[in-house]
Amino acid sequence: MLSFALGVGTQNLKGEWLEVYYPAPLHQPDAGIVKTLRDTLGAPEGNVAVSFLPEHCESLAEALEHEGLTDQGEIARAMAASRRPLVAMFLAEDRPPESVPEVYLKLHLLSHRMVKPHGIKLDGMFALLKNIAWSSEGAIDIGELNDRRLRARLEGRALSVDCVDKFPKMADYVVPGGVRIADTARVRLGAYLGEGTTVMHEGFCNFNAGTAGPGMVEGRIAAGVMLGSGSDLGGGASTMGTLSGGGNIVIGTGENCLIGANAGIGIPLGDRCTVEAGLYITAGAKVAVLDDKGELVETVAARELAGQSDLLFIRHSVTGRLECRTNKSAVALNDALHAHN
């Protein structure tokens, strides 16, 4: 069993799920616990979302407490007061999601650090998710927004729409321990932020992407990209994800890498690599590989250097040639900058 979670969500007037919040998902729960919960809810085998009513919460809480899950039992009891739709999501196996509750549980698992980017199947998820108005009154179906806005005005409220997107911000659902996020709107649900990560005001992290931590993110982490431990992404820097031109190559860095301000990578890096400020490395870019004496060894496409460690990428300030040298100085992280109290 991959996961089980109790959730409270939002549906539109047609009864279609818009989003689901899972306060405490279980990862790889014991088979006996899962059987008890399936029996209690009358849930079939396999991956299934089971809607339940507030009056079912007491029996569900008792079943959870009988299995020693006191915290889960307390959550179930709290849900008895819900005015929102309730759902129990069973994930028996990892396969492409088939429903909105399933997508949201997988995004929660990523942001709770229970699974890592590329460690769970999300194929086809975009077709399942609606474009939603994320507002001061929660998720609203775009087709219902005008009516909701008018109703709010007539009742003396000003409904504020923060964004229109398929994904909400992570911090409205999950705040992992040991991280700093200067602007929570710039980190989507489904991001994986390792302990010690700082995301500054202009930093951004997409879903199914993130950092092993510690690290400083002042640039853009595209979907599918993972930065290794101790790696920093400078101001205005970016990474090319599989959704933005990276093809099927998994872009990311190893440990202790530095991508300078306004720089970027379209190839994966190994450990202790540096890309100088303003330099964007695409897979097809021609790179002059130099030896320790600065002599030309060969000229290759950048993709041939993918995944190698101890590389320093610079652009010659006179000739404009893209060069790769041995990175003789390891990236030294500023301990004070990355400190978390």
C-alpha atoms as a PDB file:
ATOM      1  CA  MET A   1       0.000   0.000   0.000  1.00  0.00           C
ATOM      2  CA  LEU A   2       1.498   3.322  -1.071  1.00  0.00           C
ATOM      3  CA  SER A   3      -0.609   5.737   0.959  1.00  0.00           C
ATOM      4  CA  PHE A   4      -3.851   6.451   2.780  1.00  0.00           C
ATOM      5  CA  ALA A   5      -5.236   9.825   3.826  1.00  0.00           C
ATOM      6  CA  LEU A   6      -8.364  11.514   5.115  1.00  0.00           C
ATOM      7  CA  GLY A   7      -9.137  14.747   3.330  1.00  0.00           C
ATOM      8  CA  VAL A   8     -11.488  17.698   3.237  1.00  0.00           C
ATOM      9  CA  GLY A   9     -11.951  19.435  -0.078  1.00  0.00           C
ATOM     10  CA  THR A  10     -13.931  21.686  -2.364  1.00  0.00           C
ATOM     11  CA  GLN A  11     -16.376  20.753  -5.105  1.00  0.00           C
ATOM     12  CA  ASN A  12     -18.094  22.908  -7.710  1.00  0.00           C
ATOM     13  CA  LEU A  13     -21.862  23.075  -8.169  1.00  0.00           C
ATOM     14  CA  LYS A  14     -21.684  19.981 -10.385  1.00  0.00           C
ATOM     15  CA  GLY A  15     -20.128  17.955  -7.587  1.00  0.00           C
ATOM     16  CA  GLU A  16     -16.707  17.822  -9.280  1.00  0.00           C
ATOM     17  CA  TRP A  17     -13.637  17.950  -7.052  1.00  0.00           C
ATOM     18  CA  LEU A  18     -11.570  21.140  -7.286  1.00  0.00           C
ATOM     19  CA  GLU A  19      -9.024  20.466  -4.553  1.00  0.00           C
ATOM     20  CA  VAL A  20      -8.418  18.335  -1.440  1.00  0.00           C
ATOM     21  CA  TYR A  21      -6.478  19.053   1.747  1.00  0.00           C
ATOM     22  CA  TYR A  22      -4.963  16.029   3.529  1.00  0.00           C
ATOM     23  CA  PRO A  23      -3.792  17.121   6.998  1.00  0.00           C
ATOM     24  CA  ALA A  24      -1.774  13.979   7.781  1.00  0.00           C
ATOM     25  CA  PRO A  25      -1.291  11.440   4.966  1.00  0.00           C
ATOM     26  CA  LEU A  26       0.112   8.018   5.806  1.00  0.00           C
ATOM     27  CA  HIS A  27       2.951   6.653   3.693  1.00  0.00           C
ATOM     28  CA  GLN A  28       3.165   2.880   3.230  1.00  0.00           C
ATOM     29  CA  PRO A  29       0.694   2.044   6.025  1.00  0.00           C
ATOM     30  CA  ASP A  30       0.469  -1.467   7.443  1.00  0.00           C
ATOM     31  CA  ALA A  31      -1.748  -3.857   5.464  1.00  0.00           C
ATOM     32  CA  GLY A  32      -3.846  -4.635   8.543  1.00  0.00           C
ATOM     33  CA  ILE A  33      -4.638  -0.967   9.081  1.00  0.00           C
ATOM     34  CA  VAL A  34      -5.652  -0.571   5.449  1.00  0.00           C
ATOM     35  CA  LYS A  35      -7.970  -3.600   5.629  1.00  0.00           C
ATOM     36  CA  THR A  36      -9.676  -2.218   8.735  1.00  0.00           C
ATOM     37  CA  LEU A  37     -10.217   1.135   7.054  1.00  0.00           C
ATOM     38  CA  ARG A  38     -11.528  -0.433   3.843  1.00  0.00           C
ATOM     39  CA  ASP A  39     -13.987  -2.521   5.864  1.00  0.00           C
ATOM     40  CA  THR A  40     -15.121   0.490   7.889  1.00  0.00           C
ATOM     41  CA  LEU A  41     -15.742   2.616   4.806  1.00  0.00           C
ATOM     42  CA  GLY A  42     -16.890  -0.184   2.508  1.00  0.00           C
ATOM     43  CA  ALA A  43     -14.063   0.662   0.120  1.00  0.00           C
ATOM     44  CA  PRO A  44     -13.174  -1.689  -2.744  1.00  0.00           C
ATOM     45  CA  GLU A  45      -9.626  -2.827  -3.451  1.00  0.00           C
ATOM     46  CA  GLY A  46      -7.205  -0.740  -5.521  1.00  0.00           C
ATOM     47  CA  ASN A  47      -6.742   2.994  -5.880  1.00  0.00           C
ATOM     48  CA  VAL A  48     -10.029   4.559  -4.850  1.00  0.00           C
ATOM     49  CA  ALA A  49     -11.435   7.785  -3.427  1.00  0.00           C
ATOM     50  CA  VAL A  50     -14.327   7.157  -1.026  1.00  0.00           C
ATOM     51  CA  SER A  51     -16.576  10.042  -0.051  1.00  0.00           C
ATOM     52  CA  PHE A  52     -18.015   9.856   3.458  1.00  0.00           C
ATOM     53  CA  LEU A  53     -20.325  11.946   5.635  1.00  0.00           C
ATOM     54  CA  PRO A  54     -19.700  13.630   9.025  1.00  0.00           C
ATOM     55  CA  GLU A  55     -21.863  11.008  10.736  1.00  0.00           C
ATOM     56  CA  HIS A  56     -19.361   8.344   9.663  1.00  0.00           C
ATOM     57  CA  CYS A  57     -16.451  10.071  11.419  1.00  0.00           C
ATOM     58  CA  GLU A  58     -16.962   8.491  14.854  1.00  0.00           C
ATOM     59  CA  SER A  59     -16.785   4.899  13.579  1.00  0.00           C
ATOM     60  CA  LEU A  60     -13.807   5.858  11.435  1.00  0.00           C
ATOM     61  CA  ALA A  61     -12.075   7.433  14.441  1.00  0.00           C
ATOM     62  CA  GLU A  62     -12.681   4.303  16.533  1.00  0.00           C
ATOM     63  CA  ALA A  63     -11.225   2.092  13.803  1.00  0.00           C
ATOM     64  CA  LEU A  64      -8.114   4.281  13.559  1.00  0.00           C
ATOM     65  CA  GLU A  65      -7.616   4.362  17.326  1.00  0.00           C
ATOM     66  CA  HIS A  66      -8.069   0.585  17.511  1.00  0.00           C
ATOM     67  CA  GLU A  67      -5.103   0.312  15.152  1.00  0.00           C
ATOM     68  CA  GLY A  68      -3.034   2.606  17.379  1.00  0.00           C
ATOM     69  CA  LEU A  69      -3.376   5.698  15.166  1.00  0.00           C
ATOM     70  CA  THR A  70      -4.486   8.159  17.842  1.00  0.00           C
ATOM     71  CA  ASP A  71      -3.579  11.278  15.864  1.00  0.00           C
ATOM     72  CA  GLN A  72      -5.495  10.033  12.835  1.00  0.00           C
ATOM     73  CA  GLY A  73      -8.467   9.277  15.065  1.00  0.00           C
ATOM     74  CA  GLU A  74      -8.460  12.853  16.355  1.00  0.00           C
ATOM     75  CA  ILE A  75      -8.459  14.141  12.770  1.00  0.00           C
ATOM     76  CA  ALA A  76     -11.423  11.917  11.917  1.00  0.00           C
ATOM     77  CA  ARG A  77     -13.367  13.215  14.924  1.00  0.00           C
ATOM     78  CA  ALA A  78     -12.589  16.816  14.003  1.00  0.00           C
ATOM     79  CA  MET A  79     -14.006  16.167  10.548  1.00  0.00           C
ATOM     80  CA  ALA A  80     -17.416  15.476  12.072  1.00  0.00           C
ATOM     81  CA  ALA A  81     -17.915  19.252  12.193  1.00  0.00           C
ATOM     82  CA  SER A  82     -17.021  19.745   8.515  1.00  0.00           C
ATOM     83  CA  ARG A  83     -19.255  21.725   6.189  1.00  0.00           C
ATOM     84  CA  ARG A  84     -17.078  20.682   3.270  1.00  0.00           C
ATOM     85  CA  PRO A  85     -17.001  17.382   1.331  1.00  0.00           C
ATOM     86  CA  LEU A  86     -14.947  14.643   2.986  1.00  0.00           C
ATOM     87  CA  VAL A  87     -12.944  11.947   1.238  1.00  0.00           C
ATOM     88  CA  ALA A  88     -10.765   8.968   2.152  1.00  0.00           C
ATOM     89  CA  MET A  89      -8.094   8.262  -0.474  1.00  0.00           C
ATOM     90  CA  PHE A  90      -6.608   4.769  -0.821  1.00  0.00           C
ATOM     91  CA  LEU A  91      -3.460   4.503  -2.976  1.00  0.00           C
ATOM     92  CA  ALA A  92      -2.786   0.792  -3.302  1.00  0.00           C
ATOM     93  CA  GLU A  93      -0.149   1.184  -6.015  1.00  0.00           C
ATOM     94  CA  ASP A  94       1.733   3.872  -7.894  1.00  0.00           C
ATOM     95  CA  ARG A  95       0.209   4.373 -11.319  1.00  0.00           C
ATOM     96  CA  PRO A  96      -0.955   7.424 -13.314  1.00  0.00           C
ATOM     97  CA  PRO A  97      -3.655   9.214 -11.280  1.00  0.00           C
ATOM     98  CA  GLU A  98      -7.293   8.927 -12.281  1.00  0.00           C
ATOM     99  CA  SER A  99      -8.965  11.525 -10.054  1.00  0.00           C
ATOM    100  CA  VAL A 100      -8.418  14.911  -8.431  1.00  0.00           C
ATOM    101  CA  PRO A 101      -8.257  13.439  -4.883  1.00  0.00           C
ATOM    102  CA  GLU A 102      -5.537  11.059  -6.116  1.00  0.00           C
ATOM    103  CA  VAL A 103      -3.520  13.882  -7.702  1.00  0.00           C
ATOM    104  CA  TYR A 104      -3.716  15.960  -4.543  1.00  0.00           C
ATOM    105  CA  LEU A 105      -2.585  13.110  -2.322  1.00  0.00           C
ATOM    106  CA  LYS A 106       0.466  12.565  -4.517  1.00  0.00           C
ATOM    107  CA  LEU A 107       1.281  16.286  -4.432  1.00  0.00           C
ATOM    108  CA  HIS A 108       0.964  16.205  -0.626  1.00  0.00           C
ATOM    109  CA  LEU A 109       3.332  13.221  -0.426  1.00  0.00           C
ATOM    110  CA  LEU A 110       5.952  15.201  -2.350  1.00  0.00           C
ATOM    111  CA  SER A 111       5.652  18.328  -0.219  1.00  0.00           C
ATOM    112  CA  HIS A 112       5.653  16.250   2.995  1.00  0.00           C
ATOM    113  CA  ARG A 113       8.984  14.746   1.759  1.00  0.00           C
ATOM    114  CA  MET A 114       7.493  11.245   1.838  1.00  0.00           C
ATOM    115  CA  VAL A 115       8.491  10.696  -1.793  1.00  0.00           C
ATOM    116  CA  LYS A 116      11.057  12.516  -3.930  1.00  0.00           C
ATOM    117  CA  PRO A 117      10.595  14.159  -7.339  1.00  0.00           C
ATOM    118  CA  HIS A 118      10.442  11.526 -10.098  1.00  0.00           C
ATOM    119  CA  GLY A 119       9.629   9.002  -7.358  1.00  0.00           C
ATOM    120  CA  ILE A 120       5.902   8.927  -8.040  1.00  0.00           C
ATOM    121  CA  LYS A 121       3.800   8.762 -11.222  1.00  0.00           C
ATOM    122  CA  LEU A 122       1.978  11.960 -12.202  1.00  0.00           C
ATOM    123  CA  ASP A 123       1.336  11.221 -15.898  1.00  0.00           C
ATOM    124  CA  GLY A 124      -1.887  12.749 -17.177  1.00  0.00           C
ATOM    125  CA  MET A 125      -2.500  14.877 -14.101  1.00  0.00           C
ATOM    126  CA  PHE A 126      -3.006  18.125 -16.062  1.00  0.00           C
ATOM    127  CA  ALA A 127      -6.074  16.719 -17.789  1.00  0.00           C
ATOM    128  CA  LEU A 128      -7.624  15.948 -14.393  1.00  0.00           C
ATOM    129  CA  LEU A 129      -7.060  19.341 -12.795  1.00  0.00           C
ATOM    130  CA  LYS A 130      -9.302  22.325 -13.469  1.00  0.00           C
ATOM    131  CA  ASN A 131      -8.124  25.886 -13.847  1.00  0.00           C
ATOM    132  CA  ILE A 132      -9.223  27.395 -10.547  1.00  0.00           C
ATOM    133  CA  ALA A 133      -9.585  30.870  -9.048  1.00  0.00           C
ATOM    134  CA  TRP A 134      -7.664  30.676  -5.774  1.00  0.00           C
ATOM    135  CA  SER A 135      -9.332  33.302  -3.653  1.00  0.00           C
ATOM    136  CA  SER A 136      -9.761  34.710  -0.150  1.00  0.00           C
ATOM    137  CA  GLU A 137     -12.733  32.315   0.095  1.00  0.00           C
ATOM    138  CA  GLY A 138     -10.887  29.263  -1.162  1.00  0.00           C
ATOM    139  CA  ALA A 139     -10.964  27.451  -4.494  1.00  0.00           C
ATOM    140  CA  ILE A 140     -13.664  28.609  -6.925  1.00  0.00           C
ATOM    141  CA  ASP A 141     -14.572  27.090 -10.284  1.00  0.00           C
ATOM    142  CA  ILE A 142     -13.872  29.694 -12.984  1.00  0.00           C
ATOM    143  CA  GLY A 143     -17.375  29.256 -14.365  1.00  0.00           C
ATOM    144  CA  GLU A 144     -18.833  30.127 -10.954  1.00  0.00           C
ATOM    145  CA  LEU A 145     -16.536  33.051 -10.145  1.00  0.00           C
ATOM    146  CA  ASN A 146     -18.785  35.902 -11.300  1.00  0.00           C
ATOM    147  CA  ASP A 147     -21.731  34.650  -9.258  1.00  0.00           C
ATOM    148  CA  ARG A 148     -19.557  34.147  -6.191  1.00  0.00           C
ATOM    149  CA  ARG A 149     -18.022  37.597  -6.529  1.00  0.00           C
ATOM    150  CA  LEU A 150     -21.457  39.238  -6.830  1.00  0.00           C
ATOM    151  CA  ARG A 151     -22.804  37.299  -3.852  1.00  0.00           C
ATOM    152  CA  ALA A 152     -19.828  38.359  -1.745  1.00  0.00           C
ATOM    153  CA  ARG A 153     -20.321  42.031  -2.679  1.00  0.00           C
ATOM    154  CA  LEU A 154     -24.018  41.900  -1.860  1.00  0.00           C
ATOM    155  CA  GLU A 155     -23.170  40.425   1.531  1.00  0.00           C
ATOM    156  CA  GLY A 156     -20.655  43.202   2.192  1.00  0.00           C
ATOM    157  CA  ARG A 157     -17.475  41.244   1.466  1.00  0.00           C
ATOM    158  CA  ALA A 158     -14.750  41.873  -1.091  1.00  0.00           C
ATOM    159  CA  LEU A 159     -13.709  38.566  -2.667  1.00  0.00           C
ATOM    160  CA  SER A 160     -10.027  38.718  -3.613  1.00  0.00           C
ATOM    161  CA  VAL A 161      -8.579  36.404  -6.291  1.00  0.00           C
ATOM    162  CA  ASP A 162      -4.901  35.728  -5.655  1.00  0.00           C
ATOM    163  CA  CYS A 163      -4.251  33.742  -8.812  1.00  0.00           C
ATOM    164  CA  VAL A 164      -5.854  31.612 -11.524  1.00  0.00           C
ATOM    165  CA  ASP A 165      -4.012  28.325 -11.895  1.00  0.00           C
ATOM    166  CA  LYS A 166      -4.311  24.550 -11.744  1.00  0.00           C
ATOM    167  CA  PHE A 167      -2.030  24.388  -8.695  1.00  0.00           C
ATOM    168  CA  PRO A 168      -2.331  26.097  -5.313  1.00  0.00           C
ATOM    169  CA  LYS A 169       0.591  27.382  -3.299  1.00  0.00           C
ATOM    170  CA  MET A 170       2.264  24.746  -1.152  1.00  0.00           C
ATOM    171  CA  ALA A 171       2.139  26.689   2.125  1.00  0.00           C
ATOM    172  CA  ASP A 172      -1.688  26.616   2.131  1.00  0.00           C
ATOM    173  CA  TYR A 173      -1.435  22.817   2.464  1.00  0.00           C
ATOM    174  CA  VAL A 174       2.035  21.853   3.685  1.00  0.00           C
ATOM    175  CA  VAL A 175       4.830  23.742   5.448  1.00  0.00           C
ATOM    176  CA  PRO A 176       7.776  21.336   5.806  1.00  0.00           C
ATOM    177  CA  GLY A 177      10.085  21.812   8.768  1.00  0.00           C
ATOM    178  CA  GLY A 178      13.344  23.738   8.580  1.00  0.00           C
ATOM    179  CA  VAL A 179      12.641  25.896   5.520  1.00  0.00           C
ATOM    180  CA  ARG A 180      12.267  29.613   4.831  1.00  0.00           C
ATOM    181  CA  ILE A 181       9.993  30.871   2.050  1.00  0.00           C
ATOM    182  CA  ALA A 182       9.985  34.640   1.511  1.00  0.00           C
ATOM    183  CA  ASP A 183       6.969  34.641  -0.839  1.00  0.00           C
ATOM    184  CA  THR A 184       4.769  31.570  -0.450  1.00  0.00           C
ATOM    185  CA  ALA A 185       2.961  32.253  -3.742  1.00  0.00           C
ATOM    186  CA  ARG A 186       6.155  31.224  -5.559  1.00  0.00           C
ATOM    187  CA  VAL A 187       6.216  27.617  -4.331  1.00  0.00           C
ATOM    188  CA  ARG A 188       3.565  25.293  -5.763  1.00  0.00           C
ATOM    189  CA  LEU A 189       2.000  22.339  -3.981  1.00  0.00           C
ATOM    190  CA  GLY A 190       4.030  19.291  -4.995  1.00  0.00           C
ATOM    191  CA  ALA A 191       7.361  21.029  -4.461  1.00  0.00           C
ATOM    192  CA  TYR A 192       9.932  19.126  -2.393  1.00  0.00           C
ATOM    193  CA  LEU A 193      11.952  21.452  -0.158  1.00  0.00           C
ATOM    194  CA  GLY A 194      14.622  19.724   1.888  1.00  0.00           C
ATOM    195  CA  GLU A 195      15.512  20.904   5.383  1.00  0.00           C
ATOM    196  CA  GLY A 196      17.734  23.984   5.336  1.00  0.00           C
ATOM    197  CA  THR A 197      16.287  25.361   2.094  1.00  0.00           C
ATOM    198  CA  THR A 198      15.682  29.092   1.737  1.00  0.00           C
ATOM    199  CA  VAL A 199      13.524  30.368  -1.119  1.00  0.00           C
ATOM    200  CA  MET A 200      13.992  34.104  -1.484  1.00  0.00           C
ATOM    201  CA  HIS A 201      11.388  36.578  -2.769  1.00  0.00           C
ATOM    202  CA  GLU A 202      12.158  36.040  -6.465  1.00  0.00           C
ATOM    203  CA  GLY A 203      12.861  32.339  -6.105  1.00  0.00           C
ATOM    204  CA  PHE A 204      10.368  29.837  -7.540  1.00  0.00           C
ATOM    205  CA  CYS A 205       9.844  26.100  -7.180  1.00  0.00           C
ATOM    206  CA  ASN A 206       7.449  24.097  -9.344  1.00  0.00           C
ATOM    207  CA  PHE A 207       5.709  20.802  -8.533  1.00  0.00           C
ATOM    208  CA  ASN A 208       7.663  17.514  -8.721  1.00  0.00           C
ATOM    209  CA  ALA A 209      10.854  19.522  -8.240  1.00  0.00           C
ATOM    210  CA  GLY A 210      12.900  20.950  -5.423  1.00  0.00           C
ATOM    211  CA  THR A 211      15.989  20.795  -3.274  1.00  0.00           C
ATOM    212  CA  ALA A 212      17.699  18.221  -1.110  1.00  0.00           C
ATOM    213  CA  GLY A 213      18.722  21.061   1.233  1.00  0.00           C
ATOM    214  CA  PRO A 214      20.434  22.988   2.550  1.00  0.00           C
ATOM    215  CA  GLY A 215      20.524  25.555  -0.233  1.00  0.00           C
ATOM    216  CA  MET A 216      19.620  29.049  -1.333  1.00  0.00           C
ATOM    217  CA  VAL A 217      17.047  29.474  -4.110  1.00  0.00           C
ATOM    218  CA  GLU A 218      16.949  32.930  -5.667  1.00  0.00           C
ATOM    219  CA  GLY A 219      16.067  31.698  -9.158  1.00  0.00           C
ATOM    220  CA  ARG A 220      13.639  29.334 -10.864  1.00  0.00           C
ATOM    221  CA  ILE A 221      13.435  25.577 -10.291  1.00  0.00           C
ATOM    222  CA  ALA A 222      11.388  24.150 -13.170  1.00  0.00           C
ATOM    223  CA  ALA A 223       9.168  21.076 -12.974  1.00  0.00           C
ATOM    224  CA  GLY A 224      11.200  17.893 -12.649  1.00  0.00           C
ATOM    225  CA  VAL A 225      14.423  19.613 -11.515  1.00  0.00           C
ATOM    226  CA  MET A 226      16.157  18.644  -8.261  1.00  0.00           C
ATOM    227  CA  LEU A 227      19.053  20.561  -6.688  1.00  0.00           C
ATOM    228  CA  GLY A 228      21.475  18.505  -4.624  1.00  0.00           C
ATOM    229  CA  SER A 229      22.507  19.148  -1.046  1.00  0.00           C
ATOM    230  CA  GLY A 230      24.439  22.387  -0.574  1.00  0.00           C
ATOM    231  CA  SER A 231      23.629  23.703  -4.046  1.00  0.00           C
ATOM    232  CA  ASP A 232      22.622  27.333  -4.653  1.00  0.00           C
ATOM    233  CA  LEU A 233      20.616  28.951  -7.458  1.00  0.00           C
ATOM    234  CA  GLY A 234      21.550  32.621  -7.899  1.00  0.00           C
ATOM    235  CA  GLY A 235      19.279  35.591  -8.432  1.00  0.00           C
ATOM    236  CA  GLY A 236      17.511  35.447 -11.801  1.00  0.00           C
ATOM    237  CA  ALA A 237      19.009  32.025 -12.571  1.00  0.00           C
ATOM    238  CA  SER A 238      16.856  29.274 -14.052  1.00  0.00           C
ATOM    239  CA  THR A 239      16.784  25.579 -14.820  1.00  0.00           C
ATOM    240  CA  MET A 240      15.305  24.014 -17.932  1.00  0.00           C
ATOM    241  CA  GLY A 241      12.626  21.490 -17.039  1.00  0.00           C
ATOM    242  CA  THR A 242      11.168  18.706 -19.151  1.00  0.00           C
ATOM    243  CA  LEU A 243       8.094  20.888 -19.740  1.00  0.00           C
ATOM    244  CA  SER A 244      10.131  23.843 -21.018  1.00  0.00           C
ATOM    245  CA  GLY A 245      12.418  22.437 -23.676  1.00  0.00           C
ATOM    246  CA  GLY A 246      14.536  19.962 -21.751  1.00  0.00           C
ATOM    247  CA  GLY A 247      13.067  17.008 -23.617  1.00  0.00           C
ATOM    248  CA  ASN A 248      13.302  13.731 -21.724  1.00  0.00           C
ATOM    249  CA  ILE A 249      16.579  14.661 -20.019  1.00  0.00           C
ATOM    250  CA  VAL A 250      16.214  15.016 -16.249  1.00  0.00           C
ATOM    251  CA  ILE A 251      17.856  18.306 -15.359  1.00  0.00           C
ATOM    252  CA  GLY A 252      19.350  18.911 -11.927  1.00  0.00           C
ATOM    253  CA  THR A 253      22.531  19.293  -9.950  1.00  0.00           C
ATOM    254  CA  GLY A 254      24.640  17.171  -7.672  1.00  0.00           C
ATOM    255  CA  GLU A 255      25.931  18.402  -4.338  1.00  0.00           C
ATOM    256  CA  ASN A 256      27.616  21.762  -3.641  1.00  0.00           C
ATOM    257  CA  CYS A 257      26.940  23.358  -7.011  1.00  0.00           C
ATOM    258  CA  LEU A 258      26.532  27.047  -7.749  1.00  0.00           C
ATOM    259  CA  ILE A 259      24.529  28.453 -10.642  1.00  0.00           C
ATOM    260  CA  GLY A 260      25.381  32.149 -10.722  1.00  0.00           C
ATOM    261  CA  ALA A 261      23.020  35.097 -11.030  1.00  0.00           C
ATOM    262  CA  ASN A 262      21.092  35.175 -14.341  1.00  0.00           C
ATOM    263  CA  ALA A 263      22.718  31.894 -15.384  1.00  0.00           C
ATOM    264  CA  GLY A 264      20.964  28.648 -16.276  1.00  0.00           C
ATOM    265  CA  ILE A 265      21.384  24.968 -17.104  1.00  0.00           C
ATOM    266  CA  GLY A 266      19.871  22.749 -19.760  1.00  0.00           C
ATOM    267  CA  ILE A 267      22.021  19.765 -18.768  1.00  0.00           C
ATOM    268  CA  PRO A 268      22.344  17.917 -15.457  1.00  0.00           C
ATOM    269  CA  LEU A 269      25.431  18.715 -13.383  1.00  0.00           C
ATOM    270  CA  GLY A 270      27.478  16.457 -11.140  1.00  0.00           C
ATOM    271  CA  ASP A 271      28.928  17.505  -7.782  1.00  0.00           C
ATOM    272  CA  ARG A 272      30.897  20.706  -7.106  1.00  0.00           C
ATOM    273  CA  CYS A 273      30.104  22.403 -10.413  1.00  0.00           C
ATOM    274  CA  THR A 274      29.905  26.155 -11.008  1.00  0.00           C
ATOM    275  CA  VAL A 275      28.228  28.090 -13.811  1.00  0.00           C
ATOM    276  CA  GLU A 276      29.337  31.706 -13.913  1.00  0.00           C
ATOM    277  CA  ALA A 277      26.840  34.563 -13.710  1.00  0.00           C
ATOM    278  CA  GLY A 278      24.952  35.285 -16.921  1.00  0.00           C
ATOM    279  CA  LEU A 279      25.897  32.028 -18.659  1.00  0.00           C
ATOM    280  CA  TYR A 280      23.106  29.739 -19.883  1.00  0.00           C
ATOM    281  CA  ILE A 281      24.248  26.259 -20.882  1.00  0.00           C
ATOM    282  CA  THR A 282      21.989  24.488 -23.364  1.00  0.00           C
ATOM    283  CA  ALA A 283      22.547  20.860 -24.364  1.00  0.00           C
ATOM    284  CA  GLY A 284      23.701  21.704 -27.887  1.00  0.00           C
ATOM    285  CA  ALA A 285      26.021  24.591 -26.986  1.00  0.00           C
ATOM    286  CA  LYS A 286      29.617  24.061 -28.120  1.00  0.00           C
ATOM    287  CA  VAL A 287      32.015  24.020 -25.174  1.00  0.00           C
ATOM    288  CA  ALA A 288      35.792  24.335 -25.331  1.00  0.00           C
ATOM    289  CA  VAL A 289      37.207  21.885 -22.787  1.00  0.00           C
ATOM    290  CA  LEU A 290      40.499  23.121 -21.334  1.00  0.00           C
ATOM    291  CA  ASP A 291      43.181  21.314 -19.337  1.00  0.00           C
ATOM    292  CA  ASP A 292      44.759  22.548 -16.095  1.00  0.00           C
ATOM    293  CA  LYS A 293      47.135  24.742 -18.094  1.00  0.00           C
ATOM    294  CA  GLY A 294      44.333  26.399 -20.002  1.00  0.00           C
ATOM    295  CA  GLU A 295      45.110  24.573 -23.249  1.00  0.00           C
ATOM    296  CA  LEU A 296      42.300  23.385 -25.522  1.00  0.00           C
ATOM    297  CA  VAL A 297      41.701  19.637 -25.301  1.00  0.00           C
ATOM    298  CA  GLU A 298      38.565  19.327 -27.434  1.00  0.00           C
ATOM    299  CA  THR A 299      35.326  21.066 -28.331  1.00  0.00           C
ATOM    300  CA  VAL A 300      32.143  19.174 -27.506  1.00  0.00           C
ATOM    301  CA  ALA A 301      28.408  19.710 -27.193  1.00  0.00           C
ATOM    302  CA  ALA A 302      27.495  20.522 -23.594  1.00  0.00           C
ATOM    303  CA  ARG A 303      25.345  17.385 -23.381  1.00  0.00           C
ATOM    304  CA  GLU A 304      28.566  15.318 -23.491  1.00  0.00           C
ATOM    305  CA  LEU A 305      29.585  16.865 -20.156  1.00  0.00           C
ATOM    306  CA  ALA A 306      26.255  16.081 -18.496  1.00  0.00           C
ATOM    307  CA  GLY A 307      26.500  14.666 -15.002  1.00  0.00           C
ATOM    308  CA  GLN A 308      30.255  15.158 -14.642  1.00  0.00           C
ATOM    309  CA  SER A 309      31.655  16.606 -11.420  1.00  0.00           C
ATOM    310  CA  ASP A 310      34.154  19.393 -10.627  1.00  0.00           C
ATOM    311  CA  LEU A 311      33.423  21.497 -13.707  1.00  0.00           C
ATOM    312  CA  LEU A 312      33.620  25.269 -14.026  1.00  0.00           C
ATOM    313  CA  PHE A 313      31.687  26.805 -16.927  1.00  0.00           C
ATOM    314  CA  ILE A 314      32.648  30.320 -17.994  1.00  0.00           C
ATOM    315  CA  ARG A 315      32.463  32.520 -21.068  1.00  0.00           C
ATOM    316  CA  HIS A 316      35.772  34.088 -22.128  1.00  0.00           C
ATOM    317  CA  SER A 317      35.307  37.825 -21.712  1.00  0.00           C
ATOM    318  CA  VAL A 318      37.354  38.662 -24.840  1.00  0.00           C
ATOM    319  CA  THR A 319      36.620  35.917 -27.346  1.00  0.00           C
ATOM    320  CA  GLY A 320      33.126  35.034 -26.106  1.00  0.00           C
ATOM    321  CA  ARG A 321      34.032  31.351 -26.231  1.00  0.00           C
ATOM    322  CA  LEU A 322      32.141  29.030 -23.850  1.00  0.00           C
ATOM    323  CA  GLU A 323      34.773  27.198 -21.829  1.00  0.00           C
ATOM    324  CA  CYS A 324      34.843  24.368 -19.313  1.00  0.00           C
ATOM    325  CA  ARG A 325      37.679  24.159 -16.823  1.00  0.00           C
ATOM    326  CA  THR A 326      38.348  22.128 -13.693  1.00  0.00           C
ATOM    327  CA  ASN A 327      36.565  23.688 -10.738  1.00  0.00           C
ATOM    328  CA  LYS A 328      39.476  24.017  -8.336  1.00  0.00           C
ATOM    329  CA  SER A 329      37.571  25.704  -5.548  1.00  0.00           C
ATOM    330  CA  ALA A 330      34.644  23.898  -3.962  1.00  0.00           C
ATOM    331  CA  VAL A 331      31.531  25.919  -3.297  1.00  0.00           C
ATOM    332  CA  ALA A 332      31.694  27.232   0.286  1.00  0.00           C
ATOM    333  CA  LEU A 333      28.211  27.700   1.723  1.00  0.00           C
ATOM    334  CA  ASN A 334      27.645  30.655   3.986  1.00  0.00           C
ATOM    335  CA  ASP A 335      26.641  28.912   7.227  1.00  0.00           C
ATOM    336  CA  ALA A 336      25.047  32.031   8.646  1.00  0.00           C
ATOM    337  CA  LEU A 337      22.980  32.556   5.481  1.00  0.00           C
ATOM    338  CA  HIS A 338      21.612  29.026   5.569  1.00  0.00           C
ATOM    339  CA  ALA A 339      21.081  28.857   9.319  1.00  0.00           C
ATOM    340  CA  HIS A 340      17.584  27.912  10.504  1.00  0.00           C
ATOM    341  CA  ASN A 341      16.510  28.529  14.059  1.00  0.00           C
END
